Amino acid sequence: MVPSAALLPLMETDMRKNVRVAVAAGSLALALGIGVFAGAAWARQEHMDAALSDLQSARSELQEAMHDKGGHRAAAIRDIDDAIGEVRAGIEAGR
């Protein structure tokens, strides 16, 4: 069955509308997908930031300790400095 010439403009209008709707739906899906991914990445950074803050706090407490404790205090400060560097590198890598 061949459509009449009078129906062709209406069919073209419907096709254009369908294409516009499909493009809009695809754009929305892409935007939502990117938003979910960005949100997940941000959540991971919050944990890294909290870890960095905790390490800095621990370092400060060790600095305030009165005695060297047989070299263990100094070793702990060095280890924390290393850990702070690793956490900062992880934060950078996650950006």
C-alpha atoms as a PDB file:
ATOM      1  CA  MET A   1       0.000   0.000   0.000  1.00  0.00           C
ATOM      2  CA  VAL A   2       1.485   3.340  -1.065  1.00  0.00           C
ATOM      3  CA  PRO A   3       0.550   6.435   0.969  1.00  0.00           C
ATOM      4  CA  SER A   4      -1.216   9.193  -0.885  1.00  0.00           C
ATOM      5  CA  ALA A   5       0.641  12.374  -1.762  1.00  0.00           C
ATOM      6  CA  ALA A   6      -1.447  14.281   0.773  1.00  0.00           C
ATOM      7  CA  LEU A   7      -0.113  12.136   3.654  1.00  0.00           C
ATOM      8  CA  LEU A   8       3.595  12.462   2.779  1.00  0.00           C
ATOM      9  CA  PRO A   9       4.128  15.880   4.461  1.00  0.00           C
ATOM     10  CA  LEU A  10       2.428  14.569   7.617  1.00  0.00           C
ATOM     11  CA  MET A  11       4.611  11.453   7.635  1.00  0.00           C
ATOM     12  CA  GLU A  12       7.779  13.570   7.244  1.00  0.00           C
ATOM     13  CA  THR A  13       6.684  15.781  10.154  1.00  0.00           C
ATOM     14  CA  ASP A  14       6.112  12.707  12.322  1.00  0.00           C
ATOM     15  CA  MET A  15       9.519  11.317  11.376  1.00  0.00           C
ATOM     16  CA  ARG A  16      11.243  14.599  12.252  1.00  0.00           C
ATOM     17  CA  LYS A  17       9.414  14.662  15.578  1.00  0.00           C
ATOM     18  CA  ASN A  18      10.489  11.086  16.301  1.00  0.00           C
ATOM     19  CA  VAL A  19      14.112  11.933  15.488  1.00  0.00           C
ATOM     20  CA  ARG A  20      13.998  14.993  17.777  1.00  0.00           C
ATOM     21  CA  VAL A  21      12.514  12.942  20.601  1.00  0.00           C
ATOM     22  CA  ALA A  22      15.144  10.221  20.152  1.00  0.00           C
ATOM     23  CA  VAL A  23      17.987  12.767  20.145  1.00  0.00           C
ATOM     24  CA  ALA A  24      16.596  14.481  23.244  1.00  0.00           C
ATOM     25  CA  ALA A  25      16.186  11.160  25.063  1.00  0.00           C
ATOM     26  CA  GLY A  26      19.721  10.102  24.136  1.00  0.00           C
ATOM     27  CA  SER A  27      21.136  13.427  25.315  1.00  0.00           C
ATOM     28  CA  LEU A  28      19.297  13.134  28.613  1.00  0.00           C
ATOM     29  CA  ALA A  29      20.526   9.578  29.132  1.00  0.00           C
ATOM     30  CA  LEU A  30      24.113  10.658  28.403  1.00  0.00           C
ATOM     31  CA  ALA A  31      23.879  13.605  30.805  1.00  0.00           C
ATOM     32  CA  LEU A  32      22.470  11.407  33.558  1.00  0.00           C
ATOM     33  CA  GLY A  33      25.170   8.795  32.997  1.00  0.00           C
ATOM     34  CA  ILE A  34      27.919  11.395  33.214  1.00  0.00           C
ATOM     35  CA  GLY A  35      26.309  12.853  36.349  1.00  0.00           C
ATOM     36  CA  VAL A  36      26.190   9.469  38.066  1.00  0.00           C
ATOM     37  CA  PHE A  37      29.816   8.776  37.171  1.00  0.00           C
ATOM     38  CA  ALA A  38      30.937  12.214  38.384  1.00  0.00           C
ATOM     39  CA  GLY A  39      28.987  11.729  41.610  1.00  0.00           C
ATOM     40  CA  ALA A  40      30.674   8.398  42.237  1.00  0.00           C
ATOM     41  CA  ALA A  41      34.093   9.917  41.627  1.00  0.00           C
ATOM     42  CA  TRP A  42      33.318  12.765  44.018  1.00  0.00           C
ATOM     43  CA  ALA A  43      32.245  10.336  46.747  1.00  0.00           C
ATOM     44  CA  ARG A  44      35.575   8.522  46.511  1.00  0.00           C
ATOM     45  CA  GLN A  45      37.450  11.801  46.846  1.00  0.00           C
ATOM     46  CA  GLU A  46      35.625  12.617  50.071  1.00  0.00           C
ATOM     47  CA  HIS A  47      37.088   9.491  51.662  1.00  0.00           C
ATOM     48  CA  MET A  48      40.563  10.340  50.426  1.00  0.00           C
ATOM     49  CA  ASP A  49      40.226  13.876  51.784  1.00  0.00           C
ATOM     50  CA  ALA A  50      39.095  12.489  55.146  1.00  0.00           C
ATOM     51  CA  ALA A  51      42.065  10.100  55.222  1.00  0.00           C
ATOM     52  CA  LEU A  52      44.431  12.971  54.457  1.00  0.00           C
ATOM     53  CA  SER A  53      42.942  15.031  57.278  1.00  0.00           C
ATOM     54  CA  ASP A  54      43.233  12.127  59.715  1.00  0.00           C
ATOM     55  CA  LEU A  55      46.876  11.529  58.774  1.00  0.00           C
ATOM     56  CA  GLN A  56      47.695  15.207  59.227  1.00  0.00           C
ATOM     57  CA  SER A  57      46.014  15.146  62.628  1.00  0.00           C
ATOM     58  CA  ALA A  58      47.969  12.040  63.654  1.00  0.00           C
ATOM     59  CA  ARG A  59      51.210  13.678  62.533  1.00  0.00           C
ATOM     60  CA  SER A  60      50.403  16.744  64.614  1.00  0.00           C
ATOM     61  CA  GLU A  61      49.742  14.591  67.688  1.00  0.00           C
ATOM     62  CA  LEU A  62      53.043  12.764  67.235  1.00  0.00           C
ATOM     63  CA  GLN A  63      54.889  16.077  66.885  1.00  0.00           C
ATOM     64  CA  GLU A  64      53.458  17.132  70.252  1.00  0.00           C
ATOM     65  CA  ALA A  65      54.552  13.906  72.012  1.00  0.00           C
ATOM     66  CA  MET A  66      57.202  14.551  74.696  1.00  0.00           C
ATOM     67  CA  HIS A  67      59.719  11.763  74.150  1.00  0.00           C
ATOM     68  CA  ASP A  68      61.152  10.077  71.103  1.00  0.00           C
ATOM     69  CA  LYS A  69      60.121   6.620  72.398  1.00  0.00           C
ATOM     70  CA  GLY A  70      63.284   4.878  71.257  1.00  0.00           C
ATOM     71  CA  GLY A  71      63.070   6.256  67.709  1.00  0.00           C
ATOM     72  CA  HIS A  72      59.558   4.907  67.122  1.00  0.00           C
ATOM     73  CA  ARG A  73      57.943   8.363  67.244  1.00  0.00           C
ATOM     74  CA  ALA A  74      60.302   9.670  64.559  1.00  0.00           C
ATOM     75  CA  ALA A  75      59.766   6.540  62.474  1.00  0.00           C
ATOM     76  CA  ALA A  76      55.991   6.932  62.781  1.00  0.00           C
ATOM     77  CA  ILE A  77      56.220  10.553  61.629  1.00  0.00           C
ATOM     78  CA  ARG A  78      58.273   9.456  58.586  1.00  0.00           C
ATOM     79  CA  ASP A  79      55.714   6.733  57.803  1.00  0.00           C
ATOM     80  CA  ILE A  80      52.864   9.211  58.111  1.00  0.00           C
ATOM     81  CA  ASP A  81      54.692  11.645  55.815  1.00  0.00           C
ATOM     82  CA  ASP A  82      54.996   8.829  53.262  1.00  0.00           C
ATOM     83  CA  ALA A  83      51.304   7.985  53.667  1.00  0.00           C
ATOM     84  CA  ILE A  84      50.318  11.641  53.226  1.00  0.00           C
ATOM     85  CA  GLY A  85      52.293  11.699  49.966  1.00  0.00           C
ATOM     86  CA  GLU A  86      50.558   8.541  48.747  1.00  0.00           C
ATOM     87  CA  VAL A  87      47.096   9.863  49.609  1.00  0.00           C
ATOM     88  CA  ARG A  88      47.821  13.141  47.825  1.00  0.00           C
ATOM     89  CA  ALA A  89      49.024  11.208  44.773  1.00  0.00           C
ATOM     90  CA  GLY A  90      45.842   9.115  44.884  1.00  0.00           C
ATOM     91  CA  ILE A  91      43.684  12.241  45.025  1.00  0.00           C
ATOM     92  CA  GLU A  92      45.523  13.665  42.016  1.00  0.00           C
ATOM     93  CA  ALA A  93      45.159  10.407  40.106  1.00  0.00           C
ATOM     94  CA  GLY A  94      41.433  10.378  40.818  1.00  0.00           C
ATOM     95  CA  ARG A  95      40.833  13.820  39.292  1.00  0.00           C
END
